[in-house]
Amino acid sequence: MDFSNQVAIVTGSSAGIGEAAAIGMAEGGAKLVINYSKNAEAADKVVAACEAAGGEAIAVSADVSEDANCKKLVEAAMDKWGRLDILVNNAGTTKFMNHDDLEGLDAADFEQIYALNLVGPYQMIKHARPHLAKADAPSVVNISSVAGVRGIGSSVAYVASKGALNSMTLALARSLGPENIRVNAVCPGFVGTDWFRNAFGDEVFEAISDAQRNTTPMGRAGSPDDVKGPILFFANRASAHVTGQLLTVDAGMLLGMPFKIG
């Protein structure tokens, strides 16, 4: 997919879905800001992979839950390349907690999760807007979750943050459309990344993966590469007539299993 002469920021792109999307755009010739909050070594490896794929890239440390750091990321792209075409809001966080354990979350948990999952994307869009408006085919892609569509997920706070992100996607698609800025969201189901493996360990991770394969019509557990394609579609000029869409990428999980008689 052609991303030549386009500049993209991908938040949280030192691993997982963000990494896959960044490398995918680099394969099409994009110039990328690779964002990380803690692991500089991992970000540098993604930069190297983007360059090997045919693109250009720089790594920038920034916690995008903080407004000043969102501005820093946008300024990094402008200082390096003088333009901005694509923003992928991928950085996110959660706290794993059973939904019926109402004592397991407090206000601070909600504030922390909302700060990165919802306020961060809003702040990134705010700072990117004047530069995106000058691009010929600007695009914002928010990485949400089926959690925000179905009300399932790692915790009630996470579910609520992704539901809010979906609503914000629709609101900003409507309000920024007159400036030709498209805003869409990709809503993955379970994606087997180190995020889950590190949280639960190998045994539970494999059990979750098996459960996904057993409860999706396509019999699949997702990987970052499964989510990459939809992100690239929304980011690319090929979807210039598409905005305000929430695309579930879940091997049919939301559909439920086929009904069989006998």
C-alpha atoms as a PDB file:
ATOM      1  CA  MET A   1       0.000   0.000   0.000  1.00  0.00           C
ATOM      2  CA  ASP A   2       1.434   3.344  -1.083  1.00  0.00           C
ATOM      3  CA  PHE A   3       2.386   5.784   1.689  1.00  0.00           C
ATOM      4  CA  SER A   4       5.107   7.606  -0.225  1.00  0.00           C
ATOM      5  CA  ASN A   5       5.693  11.224   0.795  1.00  0.00           C
ATOM      6  CA  GLN A   6       3.428  10.808   3.833  1.00  0.00           C
ATOM      7  CA  VAL A   7       4.358  11.399   7.469  1.00  0.00           C
ATOM      8  CA  ALA A   8       2.694   9.427  10.244  1.00  0.00           C
ATOM      9  CA  ILE A   9       2.749   9.412  14.027  1.00  0.00           C
ATOM     10  CA  VAL A  10       1.918   6.075  15.675  1.00  0.00           C
ATOM     11  CA  THR A  11       1.586   6.304  19.442  1.00  0.00           C
ATOM     12  CA  GLY A  12       2.644   3.291  21.473  1.00  0.00           C
ATOM     13  CA  SER A  13       4.506   1.852  18.504  1.00  0.00           C
ATOM     14  CA  SER A  14       7.496   0.167  20.157  1.00  0.00           C
ATOM     15  CA  ALA A  15       5.653  -3.186  20.202  1.00  0.00           C
ATOM     16  CA  GLY A  16       2.482  -5.027  19.281  1.00  0.00           C
ATOM     17  CA  ILE A  17      -0.193  -3.530  17.062  1.00  0.00           C
ATOM     18  CA  GLY A  18       1.536  -0.159  16.838  1.00  0.00           C
ATOM     19  CA  GLU A  19       4.781  -1.752  15.724  1.00  0.00           C
ATOM     20  CA  ALA A  20       3.042  -3.826  13.033  1.00  0.00           C
ATOM     21  CA  ALA A  21       1.172  -0.787  11.701  1.00  0.00           C
ATOM     22  CA  ALA A  22       4.309   1.372  11.629  1.00  0.00           C
ATOM     23  CA  ILE A  23       6.334  -1.228   9.720  1.00  0.00           C
ATOM     24  CA  GLY A  24       3.417  -1.746   7.335  1.00  0.00           C
ATOM     25  CA  MET A  25       3.344   1.948   6.486  1.00  0.00           C
ATOM     26  CA  ALA A  26       7.128   2.007   6.157  1.00  0.00           C
ATOM     27  CA  GLU A  27       6.854  -0.736   3.551  1.00  0.00           C
ATOM     28  CA  GLY A  28       4.801   1.740   1.537  1.00  0.00           C
ATOM     29  CA  GLY A  29       7.440   4.464   1.913  1.00  0.00           C
ATOM     30  CA  ALA A  30       6.072   6.389   4.909  1.00  0.00           C
ATOM     31  CA  LYS A  31       8.083   8.544   7.265  1.00  0.00           C
ATOM     32  CA  LEU A  32       7.237   7.659  10.850  1.00  0.00           C
ATOM     33  CA  VAL A  33       7.452   8.945  14.395  1.00  0.00           C
ATOM     34  CA  ILE A  34       7.822   5.852  16.577  1.00  0.00           C
ATOM     35  CA  ASN A  35       6.552   6.635  20.053  1.00  0.00           C
ATOM     36  CA  TYR A  36       7.472   4.905  23.298  1.00  0.00           C
ATOM     37  CA  SER A  37       7.111   5.743  26.976  1.00  0.00           C
ATOM     38  CA  LYS A  38       9.682   3.438  28.618  1.00  0.00           C
ATOM     39  CA  ASN A  39      11.496   1.016  26.314  1.00  0.00           C
ATOM     40  CA  ALA A  40      13.927   3.004  24.150  1.00  0.00           C
ATOM     41  CA  GLU A  41      15.703  -0.140  22.966  1.00  0.00           C
ATOM     42  CA  ALA A  42      12.482  -1.635  21.612  1.00  0.00           C
ATOM     43  CA  ALA A  43      11.626   1.634  19.855  1.00  0.00           C
ATOM     44  CA  ASP A  44      15.066   1.754  18.241  1.00  0.00           C
ATOM     45  CA  LYS A  45      14.503  -1.763  16.882  1.00  0.00           C
ATOM     46  CA  VAL A  46      11.221  -0.655  15.329  1.00  0.00           C
ATOM     47  CA  VAL A  47      12.975   2.355  13.779  1.00  0.00           C
ATOM     48  CA  ALA A  48      15.550  -0.008  12.267  1.00  0.00           C
ATOM     49  CA  ALA A  49      12.802  -2.312  10.973  1.00  0.00           C
ATOM     50  CA  CYS A  50      10.991   0.637   9.372  1.00  0.00           C
ATOM     51  CA  GLU A  51      14.157   1.769   7.663  1.00  0.00           C
ATOM     52  CA  ALA A  52      14.883  -1.779   6.458  1.00  0.00           C
ATOM     53  CA  ALA A  53      11.346  -1.893   5.055  1.00  0.00           C
ATOM     54  CA  GLY A  54      11.996   1.176   2.928  1.00  0.00           C
ATOM     55  CA  GLY A  55      10.710   4.030   5.074  1.00  0.00           C
ATOM     56  CA  GLU A  56      12.214   6.614   7.385  1.00  0.00           C
ATOM     57  CA  ALA A  57      11.676   6.773  11.130  1.00  0.00           C
ATOM     58  CA  ILE A  58      12.638   8.471  14.362  1.00  0.00           C
ATOM     59  CA  ALA A  59      11.946   7.375  17.934  1.00  0.00           C
ATOM     60  CA  VAL A  60      10.431   9.868  20.371  1.00  0.00           C
ATOM     61  CA  SER A  61       9.830   9.289  24.072  1.00  0.00           C
ATOM     62  CA  ALA A  62       6.464  10.638  25.227  1.00  0.00           C
ATOM     63  CA  ASP A  63       3.730   9.670  27.678  1.00  0.00           C
ATOM     64  CA  VAL A  64       0.721  10.717  25.623  1.00  0.00           C
ATOM     65  CA  SER A  65      -1.530  10.899  28.666  1.00  0.00           C
ATOM     66  CA  GLU A  66       0.168  14.278  29.203  1.00  0.00           C
ATOM     67  CA  ASP A  67      -0.786  17.162  26.939  1.00  0.00           C
ATOM     68  CA  ALA A  68       2.737  18.595  26.701  1.00  0.00           C
ATOM     69  CA  ASN A  69       4.023  15.245  25.442  1.00  0.00           C
ATOM     70  CA  CYS A  70       1.315  15.068  22.784  1.00  0.00           C
ATOM     71  CA  LYS A  71       2.452  18.456  21.530  1.00  0.00           C
ATOM     72  CA  LYS A  72       6.055  17.195  21.651  1.00  0.00           C
ATOM     73  CA  LEU A  73       5.245  14.279  19.334  1.00  0.00           C
ATOM     74  CA  VAL A  74       3.554  16.480  16.771  1.00  0.00           C
ATOM     75  CA  GLU A  75       6.417  18.978  16.900  1.00  0.00           C
ATOM     76  CA  ALA A  76       8.909  16.148  16.371  1.00  0.00           C
ATOM     77  CA  ALA A  77       7.206  15.214  13.098  1.00  0.00           C
ATOM     78  CA  MET A  78       7.037  18.834  11.958  1.00  0.00           C
ATOM     79  CA  ASP A  79      10.643  19.572  12.919  1.00  0.00           C
ATOM     80  CA  LYS A  80      11.904  16.501  11.045  1.00  0.00           C
ATOM     81  CA  TRP A  81       9.732  16.502   7.925  1.00  0.00           C
ATOM     82  CA  GLY A  82       7.631  19.676   7.950  1.00  0.00           C
ATOM     83  CA  ARG A  83       4.293  17.940   7.473  1.00  0.00           C
ATOM     84  CA  LEU A  84       1.857  15.495   9.039  1.00  0.00           C
ATOM     85  CA  ASP A  85      -0.563  13.271   7.137  1.00  0.00           C
ATOM     86  CA  ILE A  86      -1.539  10.424   9.439  1.00  0.00           C
ATOM     87  CA  LEU A  87      -2.112   9.987  13.164  1.00  0.00           C
ATOM     88  CA  VAL A  88      -2.641   6.531  14.650  1.00  0.00           C
ATOM     89  CA  ASN A  89      -3.727   6.695  18.293  1.00  0.00           C
ATOM     90  CA  ASN A  90      -2.628   3.269  19.475  1.00  0.00           C
ATOM     91  CA  ALA A  91      -1.189   3.774  22.986  1.00  0.00           C
ATOM     92  CA  GLY A  92      -3.391   2.312  25.690  1.00  0.00           C
ATOM     93  CA  THR A  93      -3.517   0.763  29.130  1.00  0.00           C
ATOM     94  CA  THR A  94      -5.811  -1.219  31.406  1.00  0.00           C
ATOM     95  CA  LYS A  95      -6.195  -2.799  34.809  1.00  0.00           C
ATOM     96  CA  PHE A  96      -7.345  -6.408  34.831  1.00  0.00           C
ATOM     97  CA  MET A  97     -10.341  -6.785  37.130  1.00  0.00           C
ATOM     98  CA  ASN A  98     -13.482  -8.935  37.072  1.00  0.00           C
ATOM     99  CA  HIS A  99     -16.501  -6.840  36.147  1.00  0.00           C
ATOM    100  CA  ASP A 100     -18.490  -7.913  39.197  1.00  0.00           C
ATOM    101  CA  ASP A 101     -15.760  -6.784  41.597  1.00  0.00           C
ATOM    102  CA  LEU A 102     -16.888  -3.210  42.124  1.00  0.00           C
ATOM    103  CA  GLU A 103     -14.388  -2.781  44.948  1.00  0.00           C
ATOM    104  CA  GLY A 104     -11.536  -3.656  42.599  1.00  0.00           C
ATOM    105  CA  LEU A 105     -11.488  -0.275  40.842  1.00  0.00           C
ATOM    106  CA  ASP A 106     -11.398   3.211  42.265  1.00  0.00           C
ATOM    107  CA  ALA A 107     -11.495   6.718  40.831  1.00  0.00           C
ATOM    108  CA  ALA A 108      -7.738   6.761  40.351  1.00  0.00           C
ATOM    109  CA  ASP A 109      -7.946   3.640  38.143  1.00  0.00           C
ATOM    110  CA  PHE A 110     -10.573   5.260  35.941  1.00  0.00           C
ATOM    111  CA  GLU A 111      -8.571   8.475  35.724  1.00  0.00           C
ATOM    112  CA  GLN A 112      -5.363   6.667  34.755  1.00  0.00           C
ATOM    113  CA  ILE A 113      -7.047   4.521  32.104  1.00  0.00           C
ATOM    114  CA  TYR A 114      -9.083   7.393  30.664  1.00  0.00           C
ATOM    115  CA  ALA A 115      -6.000   9.639  30.588  1.00  0.00           C
ATOM    116  CA  LEU A 116      -4.209   7.352  28.136  1.00  0.00           C
ATOM    117  CA  ASN A 117      -7.072   5.639  26.314  1.00  0.00           C
ATOM    118  CA  LEU A 118      -9.326   8.659  25.736  1.00  0.00           C
ATOM    119  CA  VAL A 119      -7.818  11.996  26.740  1.00  0.00           C
ATOM    120  CA  GLY A 120      -4.492  11.136  25.087  1.00  0.00           C
ATOM    121  CA  PRO A 121      -6.061  10.577  21.645  1.00  0.00           C
ATOM    122  CA  TYR A 122      -8.081  13.783  22.027  1.00  0.00           C
ATOM    123  CA  GLN A 123      -4.960  15.771  22.859  1.00  0.00           C
ATOM    124  CA  MET A 124      -3.028  14.199  19.992  1.00  0.00           C
ATOM    125  CA  ILE A 125      -5.783  15.111  17.548  1.00  0.00           C
ATOM    126  CA  LYS A 126      -5.971  18.626  18.955  1.00  0.00           C
ATOM    127  CA  HIS A 127      -2.271  19.281  18.348  1.00  0.00           C
ATOM    128  CA  ALA A 128      -2.188  17.440  15.014  1.00  0.00           C
ATOM    129  CA  ARG A 129      -5.285  19.126  13.585  1.00  0.00           C
ATOM    130  CA  PRO A 130      -3.753  22.298  12.082  1.00  0.00           C
ATOM    131  CA  HIS A 131      -1.083  20.262  10.315  1.00  0.00           C
ATOM    132  CA  LEU A 132      -3.406  17.476   9.170  1.00  0.00           C
ATOM    133  CA  ALA A 133      -5.724  20.109   7.696  1.00  0.00           C
ATOM    134  CA  LYS A 134      -2.941  21.079   5.268  1.00  0.00           C
ATOM    135  CA  ALA A 135      -2.427  17.516   4.004  1.00  0.00           C
ATOM    136  CA  ASP A 136      -4.073  16.238   0.842  1.00  0.00           C
ATOM    137  CA  ALA A 137      -5.524  13.068   2.404  1.00  0.00           C
ATOM    138  CA  PRO A 138      -5.277  13.388   6.198  1.00  0.00           C
ATOM    139  CA  SER A 139      -6.378  10.536   8.408  1.00  0.00           C
ATOM    140  CA  VAL A 140      -6.781   9.781  12.107  1.00  0.00           C
ATOM    141  CA  VAL A 141      -7.081   6.136  13.130  1.00  0.00           C
ATOM    142  CA  ASN A 142      -8.066   5.405  16.724  1.00  0.00           C
ATOM    143  CA  ILE A 143      -7.266   1.921  18.009  1.00  0.00           C
ATOM    144  CA  SER A 144     -10.268   1.017  20.111  1.00  0.00           C
ATOM    145  CA  SER A 145     -11.593  -2.434  21.054  1.00  0.00           C
ATOM    146  CA  VAL A 146     -14.618  -4.685  20.827  1.00  0.00           C
ATOM    147  CA  ALA A 147     -14.739  -3.942  24.553  1.00  0.00           C
ATOM    148  CA  GLY A 148     -16.265  -0.582  23.679  1.00  0.00           C
ATOM    149  CA  VAL A 149     -18.849  -2.193  21.407  1.00  0.00           C
ATOM    150  CA  ARG A 150     -19.917  -5.227  23.431  1.00  0.00           C
ATOM    151  CA  GLY A 151     -19.149  -4.256  27.028  1.00  0.00           C
ATOM    152  CA  ILE A 152     -16.611  -7.039  27.571  1.00  0.00           C
ATOM    153  CA  GLY A 153     -12.933  -6.723  28.362  1.00  0.00           C
ATOM    154  CA  SER A 154     -10.218  -6.546  30.949  1.00  0.00           C
ATOM    155  CA  SER A 155     -12.111  -4.248  33.321  1.00  0.00           C
ATOM    156  CA  VAL A 156     -15.158  -1.987  33.494  1.00  0.00           C
ATOM    157  CA  ALA A 157     -12.873   1.057  33.333  1.00  0.00           C
ATOM    158  CA  TYR A 158     -11.245  -0.233  30.146  1.00  0.00           C
ATOM    159  CA  VAL A 159     -14.628  -1.012  28.586  1.00  0.00           C
ATOM    160  CA  ALA A 160     -15.889   2.466  29.432  1.00  0.00           C
ATOM    161  CA  SER A 161     -12.772   4.152  28.044  1.00  0.00           C
ATOM    162  CA  LYS A 162     -13.080   2.340  24.710  1.00  0.00           C
ATOM    163  CA  GLY A 163     -16.805   3.032  24.499  1.00  0.00           C
ATOM    164  CA  ALA A 164     -16.019   6.697  25.014  1.00  0.00           C
ATOM    165  CA  LEU A 165     -13.269   6.535  22.374  1.00  0.00           C
ATOM    166  CA  ASN A 166     -15.768   5.110  19.891  1.00  0.00           C
ATOM    167  CA  SER A 167     -18.219   7.931  20.595  1.00  0.00           C
ATOM    168  CA  MET A 168     -15.432  10.507  20.307  1.00  0.00           C
ATOM    169  CA  THR A 169     -14.441   8.997  16.953  1.00  0.00           C
ATOM    170  CA  LEU A 170     -17.943   9.647  15.629  1.00  0.00           C
ATOM    171  CA  ALA A 171     -18.099  13.163  17.067  1.00  0.00           C
ATOM    172  CA  LEU A 172     -14.730  14.217  15.652  1.00  0.00           C
ATOM    173  CA  ALA A 173     -15.380  12.595  12.265  1.00  0.00           C
ATOM    174  CA  ARG A 174     -18.422  14.836  12.010  1.00  0.00           C
ATOM    175  CA  SER A 175     -16.745  17.999  13.272  1.00  0.00           C
ATOM    176  CA  LEU A 176     -13.438  17.639  11.389  1.00  0.00           C
ATOM    177  CA  GLY A 177     -14.947  16.385   8.140  1.00  0.00           C
ATOM    178  CA  PRO A 178     -15.266  19.902   6.686  1.00  0.00           C
ATOM    179  CA  GLU A 179     -11.465  20.171   7.003  1.00  0.00           C
ATOM    180  CA  ASN A 180     -11.096  16.902   5.049  1.00  0.00           C
ATOM    181  CA  ILE A 181      -9.737  15.157   8.165  1.00  0.00           C
ATOM    182  CA  ARG A 182     -11.091  11.637   8.377  1.00  0.00           C
ATOM    183  CA  VAL A 183     -11.471   9.948  11.782  1.00  0.00           C
ATOM    184  CA  ASN A 184     -12.102   6.206  12.027  1.00  0.00           C
ATOM    185  CA  ALA A 185     -11.569   3.495  14.632  1.00  0.00           C
ATOM    186  CA  VAL A 186     -10.370  -0.093  14.474  1.00  0.00           C
ATOM    187  CA  CYS A 187     -11.879  -2.263  17.211  1.00  0.00           C
ATOM    188  CA  PRO A 188      -9.832  -5.447  17.654  1.00  0.00           C
ATOM    189  CA  GLY A 189     -10.928  -8.455  19.617  1.00  0.00           C
ATOM    190  CA  PHE A 190      -8.314 -10.420  21.537  1.00  0.00           C
ATOM    191  CA  VAL A 191      -4.862  -9.865  20.053  1.00  0.00           C
ATOM    192  CA  GLY A 192      -2.045 -12.095  21.230  1.00  0.00           C
ATOM    193  CA  THR A 193       0.674  -9.627  22.186  1.00  0.00           C
ATOM    194  CA  ASP A 194       3.296  -9.556  24.925  1.00  0.00           C
ATOM    195  CA  TRP A 195       0.924  -7.228  26.803  1.00  0.00           C
ATOM    196  CA  PHE A 196      -1.303 -10.216  27.624  1.00  0.00           C
ATOM    197  CA  ARG A 197       1.547 -12.701  27.972  1.00  0.00           C
ATOM    198  CA  ASN A 198       3.375 -10.495  30.481  1.00  0.00           C
ATOM    199  CA  ALA A 199       0.194  -9.866  32.445  1.00  0.00           C
ATOM    200  CA  PHE A 200      -0.876 -13.503  32.804  1.00  0.00           C
ATOM    201  CA  GLY A 201       2.096 -15.730  31.992  1.00  0.00           C
ATOM    202  CA  ASP A 202       2.453 -18.310  29.240  1.00  0.00           C
ATOM    203  CA  GLU A 203      -0.062 -20.855  30.530  1.00  0.00           C
ATOM    204  CA  VAL A 204      -2.974 -18.449  30.933  1.00  0.00           C
ATOM    205  CA  PHE A 205      -2.036 -16.678  27.702  1.00  0.00           C
ATOM    206  CA  GLU A 206      -2.305 -19.939  25.769  1.00  0.00           C
ATOM    207  CA  ALA A 207      -5.606 -20.746  27.505  1.00  0.00           C
ATOM    208  CA  ILE A 208      -7.039 -17.377  26.436  1.00  0.00           C
ATOM    209  CA  SER A 209      -5.805 -17.941  22.882  1.00  0.00           C
ATOM    210  CA  ASP A 210      -7.413 -21.398  22.800  1.00  0.00           C
ATOM    211  CA  ALA A 211     -10.678 -19.946  24.116  1.00  0.00           C
ATOM    212  CA  GLN A 212     -10.674 -17.389  21.300  1.00  0.00           C
ATOM    213  CA  ARG A 213     -10.131 -20.085  18.722  1.00  0.00           C
ATOM    214  CA  ASN A 214     -13.021 -22.087  20.194  1.00  0.00           C
ATOM    215  CA  THR A 215     -15.491 -19.193  20.397  1.00  0.00           C
ATOM    216  CA  THR A 216     -15.031 -17.335  17.097  1.00  0.00           C
ATOM    217  CA  PRO A 217     -16.725 -18.445  13.869  1.00  0.00           C
ATOM    218  CA  MET A 218     -13.382 -18.314  12.040  1.00  0.00           C
ATOM    219  CA  GLY A 219     -11.626 -20.301  14.776  1.00  0.00           C
ATOM    220  CA  ARG A 220      -8.808 -17.790  15.120  1.00  0.00           C
ATOM    221  CA  ALA A 221      -6.973 -15.899  17.846  1.00  0.00           C
ATOM    222  CA  GLY A 222      -5.749 -12.555  16.543  1.00  0.00           C
ATOM    223  CA  SER A 223      -2.194 -11.317  16.073  1.00  0.00           C
ATOM    224  CA  PRO A 224      -0.887  -7.773  15.449  1.00  0.00           C
ATOM    225  CA  ASP A 225      -0.593  -8.585  11.739  1.00  0.00           C
ATOM    226  CA  ASP A 226      -4.325  -9.358  11.653  1.00  0.00           C
ATOM    227  CA  VAL A 227      -5.076  -5.813  12.804  1.00  0.00           C
ATOM    228  CA  LYS A 228      -2.432  -4.120  10.664  1.00  0.00           C
ATOM    229  CA  GLY A 229      -4.366  -4.308   7.390  1.00  0.00           C
ATOM    230  CA  PRO A 230      -7.486  -2.477   8.600  1.00  0.00           C
ATOM    231  CA  ILE A 231      -5.323   0.240  10.163  1.00  0.00           C
ATOM    232  CA  LEU A 232      -3.427   0.729   6.916  1.00  0.00           C
ATOM    233  CA  PHE A 233      -6.700   0.897   4.976  1.00  0.00           C
ATOM    234  CA  PHE A 234      -8.078   3.699   7.140  1.00  0.00           C
ATOM    235  CA  ALA A 235      -4.733   5.508   7.102  1.00  0.00           C
ATOM    236  CA  ASN A 236      -4.294   5.285   3.352  1.00  0.00           C
ATOM    237  CA  ARG A 237      -5.599   7.484   0.542  1.00  0.00           C
ATOM    238  CA  ALA A 238      -7.550   4.434  -0.644  1.00  0.00           C
ATOM    239  CA  SER A 239     -10.165   5.164   2.044  1.00  0.00           C
ATOM    240  CA  ALA A 240     -10.438   8.888   1.251  1.00  0.00           C
ATOM    241  CA  HIS A 241     -14.264   8.617   1.141  1.00  0.00           C
ATOM    242  CA  VAL A 242     -14.569   6.845   4.499  1.00  0.00           C
ATOM    243  CA  THR A 243     -14.981   8.512   7.894  1.00  0.00           C
ATOM    244  CA  GLY A 244     -16.773   7.911  11.182  1.00  0.00           C
ATOM    245  CA  GLN A 245     -16.530   4.123  10.962  1.00  0.00           C
ATOM    246  CA  LEU A 246     -15.956   1.639  13.784  1.00  0.00           C
ATOM    247  CA  LEU A 247     -14.516  -1.536  12.263  1.00  0.00           C
ATOM    248  CA  THR A 248     -14.486  -4.660  14.424  1.00  0.00           C
ATOM    249  CA  VAL A 249     -11.558  -6.978  13.718  1.00  0.00           C
ATOM    250  CA  ASP A 250     -12.344 -10.073  15.749  1.00  0.00           C
ATOM    251  CA  ALA A 251     -12.695 -13.194  13.544  1.00  0.00           C
ATOM    252  CA  GLY A 252     -16.467 -12.839  13.937  1.00  0.00           C
ATOM    253  CA  MET A 253     -16.543 -12.955  17.749  1.00  0.00           C
ATOM    254  CA  LEU A 254     -19.299 -10.330  17.926  1.00  0.00           C
ATOM    255  CA  LEU A 255     -21.471 -12.438  15.627  1.00  0.00           C
ATOM    256  CA  GLY A 256     -21.428 -15.412  17.971  1.00  0.00           C
ATOM    257  CA  MET A 257     -20.956 -19.033  16.992  1.00  0.00           C
ATOM    258  CA  PRO A 258     -22.985 -20.591  14.165  1.00  0.00           C
ATOM    259  CA  PHE A 259     -26.342 -22.066  15.107  1.00  0.00           C
ATOM    260  CA  LYS A 260     -26.547 -25.770  14.353  1.00  0.00           C
ATOM    261  CA  ILE A 261     -29.519 -28.115  14.369  1.00  0.00           C
ATOM    262  CA  GLY A 262     -28.953 -31.704  15.351  1.00  0.00           C
END
